[in-house]
Amino acid sequence: MPNQLPRRTTMANQLKKAIWILQQRRENAMTLNAIAVASGVPQPVLHRFVKGKRDLTLTTAQKLADYFGFELMPRS
């Protein structure tokens, strides 16, 4: 069996997954609006990002990363 490197997950996919998880938790389900308010990202921007209709600016990605406790780092 050949050695395969693990596939890299993009920051955008990690952020979408984090948003999805917050929305799915039954006891503390958060709406996109609540996530937008808490993170400082406008709700329409967040909605279009989650739906795959837009990419994030670095500033917006940083706001979401800060909210979720992620760290934006360059690839090594």
N, C-alpha and C. Protein backbone atom coordinates (compact mmCIF):
# COMPACT_ATOMS: atom_id res chain seq x y z
N MET A 1 0.85 -1.17 0.00
CA MET A 1 0.00 0.00 0.00
C MET A 1 0.90 1.24 0.00
N PRO A 2 0.72 2.13 -0.96
CA PRO A 2 1.57 3.32 -1.02
C PRO A 2 1.26 4.28 0.11
N ASN A 3 2.29 4.98 0.55
CA ASN A 3 2.08 6.00 1.58
C ASN A 3 1.38 7.19 0.95
N GLN A 4 0.35 7.64 1.60
CA GLN A 4 -0.38 8.80 1.10
C GLN A 4 -0.37 9.87 2.17
N LEU A 5 -0.14 11.09 1.73
CA LEU A 5 -0.21 12.21 2.65
C LEU A 5 -1.67 12.50 2.96
N PRO A 6 -1.97 12.89 4.17
CA PRO A 6 -3.36 13.26 4.47
C PRO A 6 -3.76 14.49 3.67
N ARG A 7 -5.00 14.48 3.24
CA ARG A 7 -5.49 15.64 2.49
C ARG A 7 -5.58 16.83 3.41
N ARG A 8 -5.18 17.97 2.91
CA ARG A 8 -5.28 19.20 3.70
C ARG A 8 -6.70 19.73 3.64
N THR A 9 -7.13 20.19 4.76
CA THR A 9 -8.44 20.82 4.83
C THR A 9 -8.23 22.32 4.77
N THR A 10 -8.97 22.99 3.94
CA THR A 10 -8.82 24.43 3.83
C THR A 10 -9.42 25.12 5.04
N MET A 11 -8.95 26.32 5.29
CA MET A 11 -9.49 27.10 6.41
C MET A 11 -10.97 27.37 6.17
N ALA A 12 -11.34 27.63 4.94
CA ALA A 12 -12.75 27.88 4.63
C ALA A 12 -13.60 26.67 5.01
N ASN A 13 -13.13 25.47 4.69
CA ASN A 13 -13.89 24.28 5.05
C ASN A 13 -13.95 24.07 6.55
N GLN A 14 -12.88 24.38 7.25
CA GLN A 14 -12.87 24.27 8.71
C GLN A 14 -13.88 25.25 9.32
N LEU A 15 -13.92 26.47 8.79
CA LEU A 15 -14.86 27.46 9.31
C LEU A 15 -16.30 27.05 9.03
N LYS A 16 -16.57 26.55 7.82
CA LYS A 16 -17.92 26.09 7.50
C LYS A 16 -18.33 24.95 8.42
N LYS A 17 -17.40 24.03 8.68
CA LYS A 17 -17.70 22.92 9.57
C LYS A 17 -17.99 23.40 10.98
N ALA A 18 -17.22 24.36 11.47
CA ALA A 18 -17.45 24.90 12.81
C ALA A 18 -18.82 25.57 12.91
N ILE A 19 -19.19 26.32 11.88
CA ILE A 19 -20.51 26.97 11.85
C ILE A 19 -21.60 25.91 11.85
N TRP A 20 -21.44 24.88 11.03
CA TRP A 20 -22.43 23.81 10.93
C TRP A 20 -22.60 23.13 12.28
N ILE A 21 -21.49 22.84 12.96
CA ILE A 21 -21.55 22.17 14.26
C ILE A 21 -22.33 23.03 15.26
N LEU A 22 -22.06 24.33 15.29
CA LEU A 22 -22.80 25.20 16.22
C LEU A 22 -24.29 25.20 15.91
N GLN A 23 -24.63 25.11 14.64
CA GLN A 23 -26.05 25.12 14.27
C GLN A 23 -26.73 23.79 14.58
N GLN A 24 -25.97 22.70 14.66
CA GLN A 24 -26.57 21.39 14.84
C GLN A 24 -26.71 20.97 16.29
N ARG A 25 -25.95 21.57 17.19
CA ARG A 25 -26.06 21.21 18.61
C ARG A 25 -27.45 21.54 19.10
N ARG A 26 -28.14 20.53 19.54
CA ARG A 26 -29.54 20.71 19.92
C ARG A 26 -29.72 21.64 21.12
N GLU A 27 -28.91 21.48 22.13
CA GLU A 27 -29.13 22.26 23.34
C GLU A 27 -28.68 23.72 23.21
N ASN A 28 -27.72 23.99 22.35
CA ASN A 28 -27.22 25.36 22.21
C ASN A 28 -27.16 25.79 20.75
N ALA A 29 -28.14 25.36 19.95
CA ALA A 29 -28.12 25.67 18.53
C ALA A 29 -28.06 27.18 18.31
N MET A 30 -27.15 27.61 17.46
CA MET A 30 -27.02 29.03 17.14
C MET A 30 -27.44 29.26 15.70
N THR A 31 -28.12 30.35 15.49
CA THR A 31 -28.47 30.73 14.14
C THR A 31 -27.28 31.44 13.50
N LEU A 32 -27.32 31.54 12.18
CA LEU A 32 -26.28 32.31 11.49
C LEU A 32 -26.26 33.74 11.99
N ASN A 33 -27.43 34.27 12.31
CA ASN A 33 -27.49 35.64 12.81
C ASN A 33 -26.74 35.77 14.14
N ALA A 34 -26.94 34.80 15.04
CA ALA A 34 -26.26 34.84 16.33
C ALA A 34 -24.75 34.71 16.16
N ILE A 35 -24.32 33.84 15.25
CA ILE A 35 -22.89 33.68 14.98
C ILE A 35 -22.34 34.97 14.38
N ALA A 36 -23.11 35.58 13.49
CA ALA A 36 -22.67 36.83 12.86
C ALA A 36 -22.49 37.93 13.90
N VAL A 37 -23.45 38.07 14.78
CA VAL A 37 -23.37 39.10 15.82
C VAL A 37 -22.17 38.84 16.73
N ALA A 38 -22.02 37.60 17.16
CA ALA A 38 -20.94 37.25 18.09
C ALA A 38 -19.55 37.38 17.47
N SER A 39 -19.45 37.12 16.16
CA SER A 39 -18.14 37.16 15.50
C SER A 39 -17.83 38.52 14.88
N GLY A 40 -18.84 39.34 14.69
CA GLY A 40 -18.63 40.64 14.06
C GLY A 40 -18.64 40.59 12.54
N VAL A 41 -19.10 39.47 11.99
CA VAL A 41 -19.20 39.32 10.54
C VAL A 41 -20.66 39.58 10.14
N PRO A 42 -20.91 40.45 9.17
CA PRO A 42 -22.29 40.71 8.76
C PRO A 42 -23.01 39.42 8.35
N GLN A 43 -24.26 39.29 8.77
CA GLN A 43 -25.03 38.08 8.49
C GLN A 43 -25.12 37.76 7.00
N PRO A 44 -25.35 38.73 6.11
CA PRO A 44 -25.42 38.38 4.69
C PRO A 44 -24.10 37.80 4.16
N VAL A 45 -22.98 38.32 4.66
CA VAL A 45 -21.67 37.81 4.25
C VAL A 45 -21.52 36.37 4.72
N LEU A 46 -21.88 36.12 5.96
CA LEU A 46 -21.77 34.78 6.52
C LEU A 46 -22.68 33.81 5.77
N HIS A 47 -23.89 34.23 5.49
CA HIS A 47 -24.84 33.38 4.77
C HIS A 47 -24.31 33.00 3.38
N ARG A 48 -23.82 33.98 2.63
CA ARG A 48 -23.30 33.70 1.28
C ARG A 48 -22.07 32.79 1.36
N PHE A 49 -21.23 32.97 2.37
CA PHE A 49 -20.05 32.11 2.55
C PHE A 49 -20.46 30.67 2.82
N VAL A 50 -21.38 30.48 3.75
CA VAL A 50 -21.82 29.13 4.10
C VAL A 50 -22.47 28.44 2.90
N LYS A 51 -23.20 29.18 2.10
CA LYS A 51 -23.87 28.62 0.93
C LYS A 51 -22.92 28.44 -0.26
N GLY A 52 -21.67 28.86 -0.10
CA GLY A 52 -20.69 28.69 -1.17
C GLY A 52 -20.80 29.71 -2.29
N LYS A 53 -21.46 30.83 -2.01
CA LYS A 53 -21.67 31.85 -3.03
C LYS A 53 -20.62 32.95 -2.99
N ARG A 54 -19.71 32.89 -1.99
CA ARG A 54 -18.64 33.87 -1.91
C ARG A 54 -17.50 33.31 -1.09
N ASP A 55 -16.32 33.85 -1.33
CA ASP A 55 -15.15 33.52 -0.52
C ASP A 55 -15.04 34.56 0.59
N LEU A 56 -14.12 34.33 1.49
CA LEU A 56 -13.91 35.28 2.58
C LEU A 56 -12.72 36.17 2.30
N THR A 57 -12.82 37.40 2.76
CA THR A 57 -11.64 38.25 2.78
C THR A 57 -10.79 37.79 3.96
N LEU A 58 -9.54 38.19 3.97
CA LEU A 58 -8.67 37.81 5.08
C LEU A 58 -9.19 38.39 6.38
N THR A 59 -9.71 39.60 6.34
CA THR A 59 -10.26 40.24 7.54
C THR A 59 -11.44 39.44 8.10
N THR A 60 -12.33 39.02 7.23
CA THR A 60 -13.49 38.24 7.66
C THR A 60 -13.06 36.87 8.17
N ALA A 61 -12.12 36.24 7.48
CA ALA A 61 -11.61 34.95 7.93
C ALA A 61 -10.98 35.08 9.31
N GLN A 62 -10.27 36.17 9.55
CA GLN A 62 -9.65 36.38 10.86
C GLN A 62 -10.69 36.55 11.96
N LYS A 63 -11.76 37.28 11.66
CA LYS A 63 -12.83 37.45 12.65
C LYS A 63 -13.45 36.10 13.02
N LEU A 64 -13.71 35.28 12.02
CA LEU A 64 -14.29 33.96 12.29
C LEU A 64 -13.28 33.06 13.00
N ALA A 65 -12.03 33.12 12.60
CA ALA A 65 -11.00 32.32 13.26
C ALA A 65 -10.88 32.71 14.73
N ASP A 66 -10.90 34.00 15.00
CA ASP A 66 -10.85 34.47 16.39
C ASP A 66 -12.05 33.95 17.18
N TYR A 67 -13.22 34.04 16.58
CA TYR A 67 -14.44 33.60 17.25
C TYR A 67 -14.38 32.11 17.61
N PHE A 68 -13.88 31.29 16.66
CA PHE A 68 -13.84 29.85 16.88
C PHE A 68 -12.57 29.37 17.56
N GLY A 69 -11.64 30.29 17.82
CA GLY A 69 -10.41 29.88 18.48
C GLY A 69 -9.41 29.24 17.55
N PHE A 70 -9.52 29.52 16.26
CA PHE A 70 -8.56 29.02 15.28
C PHE A 70 -7.43 30.02 15.12
N GLU A 71 -6.35 29.57 14.54
CA GLU A 71 -5.22 30.45 14.26
C GLU A 71 -4.91 30.39 12.77
N LEU A 72 -4.92 31.54 12.13
CA LEU A 72 -4.56 31.60 10.71
C LEU A 72 -3.03 31.61 10.62
N MET A 73 -2.51 30.66 9.87
CA MET A 73 -1.07 30.55 9.72
C MET A 73 -0.73 30.25 8.27
N PRO A 74 0.41 30.71 7.81
CA PRO A 74 0.82 30.35 6.45
C PRO A 74 1.18 28.87 6.39
N ARG A 75 1.04 28.29 5.22
CA ARG A 75 1.45 26.90 5.04
C ARG A 75 2.96 26.79 5.20
N SER A 76 3.36 25.69 5.74
CA SER A 76 4.82 25.50 5.89
C SER A 76 5.38 24.68 4.75
